[in-house]
């Protein structure tokens, strides 16, 4: 199982609608509003890292109201 985390900056006026739309994206395990430099923390899980990254760009990165994203790939050390 592959996991990526997406940190997103959003337009404040779109926050609630973005959260609602994120729940419908395949692979999204959770999406939380957070404090700090980013507005949302989104976790995606799936069998293929390539598919997760592609889906994050096509379905999340270009979502109306999202200003920017940073993607973190989880790496198992065990």
PDB file of N, CA and C in Angstrom:
ATOM      1  N   UNK A   1       0.837  -1.173   0.000  1.00  0.00           N
ATOM      2  CA  UNK A   1       0.000   0.000   0.000  1.00  0.00           C
ATOM      3  C   UNK A   1       0.885   1.241   0.000  1.00  0.00           C
ATOM      4  N   UNK A   2       0.661   2.099  -0.953  1.00  0.00           N
ATOM      5  CA  UNK A   2       1.402   3.358  -1.058  1.00  0.00           C
ATOM      6  C   UNK A   2       0.584   4.474  -0.401  1.00  0.00           C
ATOM      7  N   UNK A   3       1.279   5.430   0.201  1.00  0.00           N
ATOM      8  CA  UNK A   3       0.616   6.552   0.854  1.00  0.00           C
ATOM      9  C   UNK A   3       1.317   7.844   0.458  1.00  0.00           C
ATOM     10  N   UNK A   4       0.521   8.855   0.120  1.00  0.00           N
ATOM     11  CA  UNK A   4       1.059  10.193  -0.087  1.00  0.00           C
ATOM     12  C   UNK A   4       0.254  11.161   0.781  1.00  0.00           C
ATOM     13  N   UNK A   5       0.917  12.238   1.160  1.00  0.00           N
ATOM     14  CA  UNK A   5       0.268  13.322   1.895  1.00  0.00           C
ATOM     15  C   UNK A   5       0.355  14.570   1.040  1.00  0.00           C
ATOM     16  N   UNK A   6      -0.731  15.289   0.970  1.00  0.00           N
ATOM     17  CA  UNK A   6      -0.773  16.507   0.176  1.00  0.00           C
ATOM     18  C   UNK A   6      -1.068  17.667   1.112  1.00  0.00           C
ATOM     19  N   UNK A   7      -0.204  18.667   1.078  1.00  0.00           N
ATOM     20  CA  UNK A   7      -0.413  19.902   1.821  1.00  0.00           C
ATOM     21  C   UNK A   7      -0.963  20.915   0.825  1.00  0.00           C
ATOM     22  N   UNK A   8      -2.075  21.542   1.149  1.00  0.00           N
ATOM     23  CA  UNK A   8      -2.716  22.446   0.196  1.00  0.00           C
ATOM     24  C   UNK A   8      -2.987  23.812   0.804  1.00  0.00           C
ATOM     25  N   UNK A   9      -2.772  24.836  -0.013  1.00  0.00           N
ATOM     26  CA  UNK A   9      -3.181  26.200   0.321  1.00  0.00           C
ATOM     27  C   UNK A   9      -4.425  26.484  -0.506  1.00  0.00           C
ATOM     28  N   UNK A  10      -5.462  27.017   0.145  1.00  0.00           N
ATOM     29  CA  UNK A  10      -6.733  27.221  -0.542  1.00  0.00           C
ATOM     30  C   UNK A  10      -7.245  28.640  -0.336  1.00  0.00           C
ATOM     31  N   UNK A  11      -8.137  29.060  -1.236  1.00  0.00           N
ATOM     32  CA  UNK A  11      -8.855  30.311  -1.047  1.00  0.00           C
ATOM     33  C   UNK A  11      -9.855  30.091   0.072  1.00  0.00           C
ATOM     34  N   UNK A  12      -9.873  30.988   1.054  1.00  0.00           N
ATOM     35  CA  UNK A  12     -10.731  30.814   2.228  1.00  0.00           C
ATOM     36  C   UNK A  12     -12.199  30.627   1.858  1.00  0.00           C
ATOM     37  N   UNK A  13     -12.669  31.299   0.835  1.00  0.00           N
ATOM     38  CA  UNK A  13     -14.063  31.205   0.438  1.00  0.00           C
ATOM     39  C   UNK A  13     -14.459  29.865  -0.146  1.00  0.00           C
ATOM     40  N   UNK A  14     -13.466  29.050  -0.495  1.00  0.00           N
ATOM     41  CA  UNK A  14     -13.741  27.749  -1.102  1.00  0.00           C
ATOM     42  C   UNK A  14     -13.484  26.575  -0.154  1.00  0.00           C
ATOM     43  N   UNK A  15     -13.069  26.845   1.063  1.00  0.00           N
ATOM     44  CA  UNK A  15     -12.615  25.780   1.967  1.00  0.00           C
ATOM     45  C   UNK A  15     -13.663  24.685   2.172  1.00  0.00           C
ATOM     46  N   UNK A  16     -14.888  25.047   2.464  1.00  0.00           N
ATOM     47  CA  UNK A  16     -15.910  24.034   2.742  1.00  0.00           C
ATOM     48  C   UNK A  16     -16.238  23.201   1.507  1.00  0.00           C
ATOM     49  N   UNK A  17     -16.330  23.842   0.345  1.00  0.00           N
ATOM     50  CA  UNK A  17     -16.653  23.082  -0.868  1.00  0.00           C
ATOM     51  C   UNK A  17     -15.494  22.182  -1.275  1.00  0.00           C
ATOM     52  N   UNK A  18     -14.271  22.632  -1.066  1.00  0.00           N
ATOM     53  CA  UNK A  18     -13.101  21.801  -1.368  1.00  0.00           C
ATOM     54  C   UNK A  18     -13.110  20.565  -0.478  1.00  0.00           C
ATOM     55  N   UNK A  19     -13.362  20.756   0.816  1.00  0.00           N
ATOM     56  CA  UNK A  19     -13.384  19.622   1.736  1.00  0.00           C
ATOM     57  C   UNK A  19     -14.435  18.604   1.307  1.00  0.00           C
ATOM     58  N   UNK A  20     -15.575  19.076   0.894  1.00  0.00           N
ATOM     59  CA  UNK A  20     -16.646  18.189   0.433  1.00  0.00           C
ATOM     60  C   UNK A  20     -16.223  17.426  -0.823  1.00  0.00           C
ATOM     61  N   UNK A  21     -15.600  18.116  -1.781  1.00  0.00           N
ATOM     62  CA  UNK A  21     -15.172  17.467  -3.028  1.00  0.00           C
ATOM     63  C   UNK A  21     -14.036  16.489  -2.794  1.00  0.00           C
ATOM     64  N   UNK A  22     -13.150  16.779  -1.845  1.00  0.00           N
ATOM     65  CA  UNK A  22     -12.026  15.890  -1.562  1.00  0.00           C
ATOM     66  C   UNK A  22     -12.507  14.528  -1.087  1.00  0.00           C
ATOM     67  N   UNK A  23     -13.611  14.494  -0.360  1.00  0.00           N
ATOM     68  CA  UNK A  23     -14.138  13.231   0.148  1.00  0.00           C
ATOM     69  C   UNK A  23     -14.587  12.306  -0.974  1.00  0.00           C
ATOM     70  N   UNK A  24     -14.854  12.869  -2.159  1.00  0.00           N
ATOM     71  CA  UNK A  24     -15.311  12.067  -3.297  1.00  0.00           C
ATOM     72  C   UNK A  24     -14.170  11.589  -4.205  1.00  0.00           C
ATOM     73  N   UNK A  25     -12.941  12.038  -3.946  1.00  0.00           N
ATOM     74  CA  UNK A  25     -11.800  11.641  -4.778  1.00  0.00           C
ATOM     75  C   UNK A  25     -11.344  10.237  -4.367  1.00  0.00           C
ATOM     76  N   UNK A  26     -11.271   9.347  -5.336  1.00  0.00           N
ATOM     77  CA  UNK A  26     -10.841   7.978  -5.070  1.00  0.00           C
ATOM     78  C   UNK A  26      -9.457   7.965  -4.433  1.00  0.00           C
ATOM     79  N   UNK A  27      -9.319   7.225  -3.358  1.00  0.00           N
ATOM     80  CA  UNK A  27      -8.024   7.091  -2.689  1.00  0.00           C
ATOM     81  C   UNK A  27      -7.822   8.035  -1.525  1.00  0.00           C
ATOM     82  N   UNK A  28      -8.646   9.057  -1.383  1.00  0.00           N
ATOM     83  CA  UNK A  28      -8.481   9.987  -0.264  1.00  0.00           C
ATOM     84  C   UNK A  28      -8.919   9.278   1.017  1.00  0.00           C
ATOM     85  N   UNK A  29      -7.965   9.085   1.923  1.00  0.00           N
ATOM     86  CA  UNK A  29      -8.239   8.432   3.203  1.00  0.00           C
ATOM     87  C   UNK A  29      -8.803   9.429   4.199  1.00  0.00           C
ATOM     88  N   UNK A  30      -8.249  10.656   4.191  1.00  0.00           N
ATOM     89  CA  UNK A  30      -8.786  11.726   5.017  1.00  0.00           C
ATOM     90  C   UNK A  30      -8.320  13.071   4.477  1.00  0.00           C
ATOM     91  N   UNK A  31      -9.060  14.093   4.844  1.00  0.00           N
ATOM     92  CA  UNK A  31      -8.702  15.477   4.525  1.00  0.00           C
ATOM     93  C   UNK A  31      -9.093  16.319   5.725  1.00  0.00           C
ATOM     94  N   UNK A  32      -8.118  17.038   6.274  1.00  0.00           N
ATOM     95  CA  UNK A  32      -8.358  17.846   7.463  1.00  0.00           C
ATOM     96  C   UNK A  32      -7.922  19.282   7.214  1.00  0.00           C
ATOM     97  N   UNK A  33      -8.698  20.227   7.719  1.00  0.00           N
ATOM     98  CA  UNK A  33      -8.246  21.612   7.773  1.00  0.00           C
ATOM     99  C   UNK A  33      -7.229  21.682   8.905  1.00  0.00           C
ATOM    100  N   UNK A  34      -6.127  22.402   8.670  1.00  0.00           N
ATOM    101  CA  UNK A  34      -5.056  22.497   9.668  1.00  0.00           C
ATOM    102  C   UNK A  34      -4.602  23.944   9.817  1.00  0.00           C
ATOM    103  N   UNK A  35      -3.881  24.206  10.880  1.00  0.00           N
ATOM    104  CA  UNK A  35      -3.296  25.528  11.087  1.00  0.00           C
ATOM    105  C   UNK A  35      -1.864  25.512  10.579  1.00  0.00           C
ATOM    106  N   UNK A  36      -1.297  26.680  10.364  1.00  0.00           N
ATOM    107  CA  UNK A  36       0.089  26.775   9.916  1.00  0.00           C
ATOM    108  C   UNK A  36       0.190  27.309   8.505  1.00  0.00           C
ATOM    109  N   UNK A  37       1.244  26.950   7.813  1.00  0.00           N
ATOM    110  CA  UNK A  37       1.515  27.454   6.465  1.00  0.00           C
ATOM    111  C   UNK A  37       0.568  26.917   5.411  1.00  0.00           C
ATOM    112  N   UNK A  38      -0.066  25.793   5.695  1.00  0.00           N
ATOM    113  CA  UNK A  38      -0.998  25.179   4.753  1.00  0.00           C
ATOM    114  C   UNK A  38      -2.385  25.145   5.381  1.00  0.00           C
ATOM    115  N   UNK A  39      -3.389  25.001   4.544  1.00  0.00           N
ATOM    116  CA  UNK A  39      -4.775  25.012   5.013  1.00  0.00           C
ATOM    117  C   UNK A  39      -5.374  23.620   5.155  1.00  0.00           C
ATOM    118  N   UNK A  40      -4.891  22.661   4.346  1.00  0.00           N
ATOM    119  CA  UNK A  40      -5.413  21.294   4.382  1.00  0.00           C
ATOM    120  C   UNK A  40      -4.287  20.284   4.387  1.00  0.00           C
ATOM    121  N   UNK A  41      -4.516  19.181   5.089  1.00  0.00           N
ATOM    122  CA  UNK A  41      -3.664  18.004   5.036  1.00  0.00           C
ATOM    123  C   UNK A  41      -4.532  16.888   4.482  1.00  0.00           C
ATOM    124  N   UNK A  42      -4.096  16.312   3.378  1.00  0.00           N
ATOM    125  CA  UNK A  42      -4.869  15.284   2.678  1.00  0.00           C
ATOM    126  C   UNK A  42      -4.005  14.029   2.586  1.00  0.00           C
ATOM    127  N   UNK A  43      -4.564  12.894   2.945  1.00  0.00           N
ATOM    128  CA  UNK A  43      -3.852  11.617   2.810  1.00  0.00           C
ATOM    129  C   UNK A  43      -4.527  10.803   1.723  1.00  0.00           C
ATOM    130  N   UNK A  44      -3.720  10.223   0.847  1.00  0.00           N
ATOM    131  CA  UNK A  44      -4.223   9.331  -0.194  1.00  0.00           C
ATOM    132  C   UNK A  44      -3.517   7.992  -0.069  1.00  0.00           C
ATOM    133  N   UNK A  45      -4.278   6.920  -0.279  1.00  0.00           N
ATOM    134  CA  UNK A  45      -3.734   5.564  -0.226  1.00  0.00           C
ATOM    135  C   UNK A  45      -4.120   4.814  -1.482  1.00  0.00           C
ATOM    136  N   UNK A  46      -3.210   3.952  -1.947  1.00  0.00           N
ATOM    137  CA  UNK A  46      -3.495   3.138  -3.116  1.00  0.00           C
ATOM    138  C   UNK A  46      -2.366   2.171  -3.389  1.00  0.00           C
ATOM    139  N   UNK A  47      -2.577   1.301  -4.364  1.00  0.00           N
ATOM    140  CA  UNK A  47      -1.597   0.265  -4.696  1.00  0.00           C
ATOM    141  C   UNK A  47      -0.454   0.790  -5.563  1.00  0.00           C
ATOM    142  N   UNK A  48      -0.678   1.871  -6.293  1.00  0.00           N
ATOM    143  CA  UNK A  48       0.327   2.374  -7.228  1.00  0.00           C
ATOM    144  C   UNK A  48       0.671   3.830  -6.929  1.00  0.00           C
ATOM    145  N   UNK A  49       1.940   4.080  -6.675  1.00  0.00           N
ATOM    146  CA  UNK A  49       2.393   5.444  -6.424  1.00  0.00           C
ATOM    147  C   UNK A  49       2.153   6.328  -7.642  1.00  0.00           C
ATOM    148  N   UNK A  50       2.403   5.798  -8.815  1.00  0.00           N
ATOM    149  CA  UNK A  50       2.198   6.570 -10.046  1.00  0.00           C
ATOM    150  C   UNK A  50       0.744   7.003 -10.190  1.00  0.00           C
ATOM    151  N   UNK A  51      -0.188   6.097  -9.902  1.00  0.00           N
ATOM    152  CA  UNK A  51      -1.610   6.435 -10.004  1.00  0.00           C
ATOM    153  C   UNK A  51      -2.014   7.457  -8.950  1.00  0.00           C
ATOM    154  N   UNK A  52      -1.484   7.320  -7.746  1.00  0.00           N
ATOM    155  CA  UNK A  52      -1.790   8.299  -6.701  1.00  0.00           C
ATOM    156  C   UNK A  52      -1.302   9.691  -7.091  1.00  0.00           C
ATOM    157  N   UNK A  53      -0.076   9.766  -7.572  1.00  0.00           N
ATOM    158  CA  UNK A  53       0.479  11.062  -7.956  1.00  0.00           C
ATOM    159  C   UNK A  53      -0.279  11.665  -9.128  1.00  0.00           C
ATOM    160  N   UNK A  54      -0.639  10.851 -10.082  1.00  0.00           N
ATOM    161  CA  UNK A  54      -1.409  11.322 -11.225  1.00  0.00           C
ATOM    162  C   UNK A  54      -2.776  11.840 -10.786  1.00  0.00           C
ATOM    163  N   UNK A  55      -3.449  11.069  -9.954  1.00  0.00           N
ATOM    164  CA  UNK A  55      -4.774  11.461  -9.476  1.00  0.00           C
ATOM    165  C   UNK A  55      -4.686  12.741  -8.642  1.00  0.00           C
ATOM    166  N   UNK A  56      -3.631  12.872  -7.841  1.00  0.00           N
ATOM    167  CA  UNK A  56      -3.502  14.072  -7.013  1.00  0.00           C
ATOM    168  C   UNK A  56      -3.332  15.313  -7.888  1.00  0.00           C
ATOM    169  N   UNK A  57      -2.614  15.183  -8.988  1.00  0.00           N
ATOM    170  CA  UNK A  57      -2.429  16.329  -9.893  1.00  0.00           C
ATOM    171  C   UNK A  57      -3.702  16.632 -10.670  1.00  0.00           C
ATOM    172  N   UNK A  58      -4.337  15.591 -11.205  1.00  0.00           N
ATOM    173  CA  UNK A  58      -5.497  15.779 -12.078  1.00  0.00           C
ATOM    174  C   UNK A  58      -6.765  16.149 -11.317  1.00  0.00           C
ATOM    175  N   UNK A  59      -6.952  15.589 -10.116  1.00  0.00           N
ATOM    176  CA  UNK A  59      -8.212  15.779  -9.414  1.00  0.00           C
ATOM    177  C   UNK A  59      -8.125  16.727  -8.223  1.00  0.00           C
ATOM    178  N   UNK A  60      -6.935  16.900  -7.662  1.00  0.00           N
ATOM    179  CA  UNK A  60      -6.818  17.762  -6.483  1.00  0.00           C
ATOM    180  C   UNK A  60      -6.078  19.053  -6.817  1.00  0.00           C
ATOM    181  N   UNK A  61      -4.918  18.941  -7.448  1.00  0.00           N
ATOM    182  CA  UNK A  61      -4.103  20.120  -7.724  1.00  0.00           C
ATOM    183  C   UNK A  61      -4.787  21.174  -8.569  1.00  0.00           C
ATOM    184  N   UNK A  62      -5.687  20.759  -9.436  1.00  0.00           N
ATOM    185  CA  UNK A  62      -6.359  21.724 -10.314  1.00  0.00           C
ATOM    186  C   UNK A  62      -7.787  22.025  -9.857  1.00  0.00           C
ATOM    187  N   UNK A  63      -8.160  21.574  -8.660  1.00  0.00           N
ATOM    188  CA  UNK A  63      -9.495  21.815  -8.121  1.00  0.00           C
ATOM    189  C   UNK A  63      -9.696  23.316  -7.893  1.00  0.00           C
ATOM    190  N   UNK A  64     -10.864  23.810  -8.271  1.00  0.00           N
ATOM    191  CA  UNK A  64     -11.151  25.233  -8.095  1.00  0.00           C
ATOM    192  C   UNK A  64     -11.026  25.614  -6.618  1.00  0.00           C
ATOM    193  N   UNK A  65     -10.266  26.675  -6.357  1.00  0.00           N
ATOM    194  CA  UNK A  65     -10.074  27.158  -5.001  1.00  0.00           C
ATOM    195  C   UNK A  65      -8.760  26.727  -4.380  1.00  0.00           C
ATOM    196  N   UNK A  66      -8.082  25.738  -4.974  1.00  0.00           N
ATOM    197  CA  UNK A  66      -6.774  25.335  -4.463  1.00  0.00           C
ATOM    198  C   UNK A  66      -5.715  26.192  -5.139  1.00  0.00           C
ATOM    199  N   UNK A  67      -4.956  26.916  -4.311  1.00  0.00           N
ATOM    200  CA  UNK A  67      -3.931  27.826  -4.836  1.00  0.00           C
ATOM    201  C   UNK A  67      -2.616  27.101  -5.115  1.00  0.00           C
ATOM    202  N   UNK A  68      -2.230  26.185  -4.216  1.00  0.00           N
ATOM    203  CA  UNK A  68      -0.984  25.444  -4.425  1.00  0.00           C
ATOM    204  C   UNK A  68      -0.997  24.197  -3.553  1.00  0.00           C
ATOM    205  N   UNK A  69      -0.159  23.224  -3.952  1.00  0.00           N
ATOM    206  CA  UNK A  69      -0.018  21.985  -3.189  1.00  0.00           C
ATOM    207  C   UNK A  69       1.450  21.595  -3.061  1.00  0.00           C
ATOM    208  N   UNK A  70       1.730  20.815  -2.057  1.00  0.00           N
ATOM    209  CA  UNK A  70       3.036  20.180  -1.916  1.00  0.00           C
ATOM    210  C   UNK A  70       2.763  18.728  -1.560  1.00  0.00           C
ATOM    211  N   UNK A  71       3.376  17.803  -2.287  1.00  0.00           N
ATOM    212  CA  UNK A  71       3.104  16.385  -2.092  1.00  0.00           C
ATOM    213  C   UNK A  71       4.287  15.714  -1.416  1.00  0.00           C
ATOM    214  N   UNK A  72       3.973  14.934  -0.396  1.00  0.00           N
ATOM    215  CA  UNK A  72       4.984  14.188   0.368  1.00  0.00           C
ATOM    216  C   UNK A  72       4.697  12.701   0.158  1.00  0.00           C
ATOM    217  N   UNK A  73       5.709  11.945  -0.244  1.00  0.00           N
ATOM    218  CA  UNK A  73       5.562  10.506  -0.444  1.00  0.00           C
ATOM    219  C   UNK A  73       6.055   9.812   0.818  1.00  0.00           C
ATOM    220  N   UNK A  74       5.193   8.986   1.417  1.00  0.00           N
ATOM    221  CA  UNK A  74       5.569   8.230   2.607  1.00  0.00           C
ATOM    222  C   UNK A  74       6.519   7.106   2.211  1.00  0.00           C
ATOM    223  N   UNK A  75       7.577   6.933   2.994  1.00  0.00           N
ATOM    224  CA  UNK A  75       8.584   5.910   2.724  1.00  0.00           C
ATOM    225  C   UNK A  75       8.681   4.988   3.942  1.00  0.00           C
ATOM    226  N   UNK A  76       8.537   3.696   3.707  1.00  0.00           N
ATOM    227  CA  UNK A  76       8.669   2.727   4.803  1.00  0.00           C
ATOM    228  C   UNK A  76      10.150   2.493   5.076  1.00  0.00           C
ATOM    229  N   UNK A  77      10.507   2.531   6.343  1.00  0.00           N
ATOM    230  CA  UNK A  77      11.896   2.305   6.743  1.00  0.00           C
ATOM    231  C   UNK A  77      12.094   0.937   7.392  1.00  0.00           C
ATOM    232  N   UNK A  78      11.029   0.154   7.503  1.00  0.00           N
ATOM    233  CA  UNK A  78      11.186  -1.162   8.155  1.00  0.00           C
ATOM    234  C   UNK A  78      11.417  -2.262   7.164  1.00  0.00           C
TER     235      UNK A  78
END
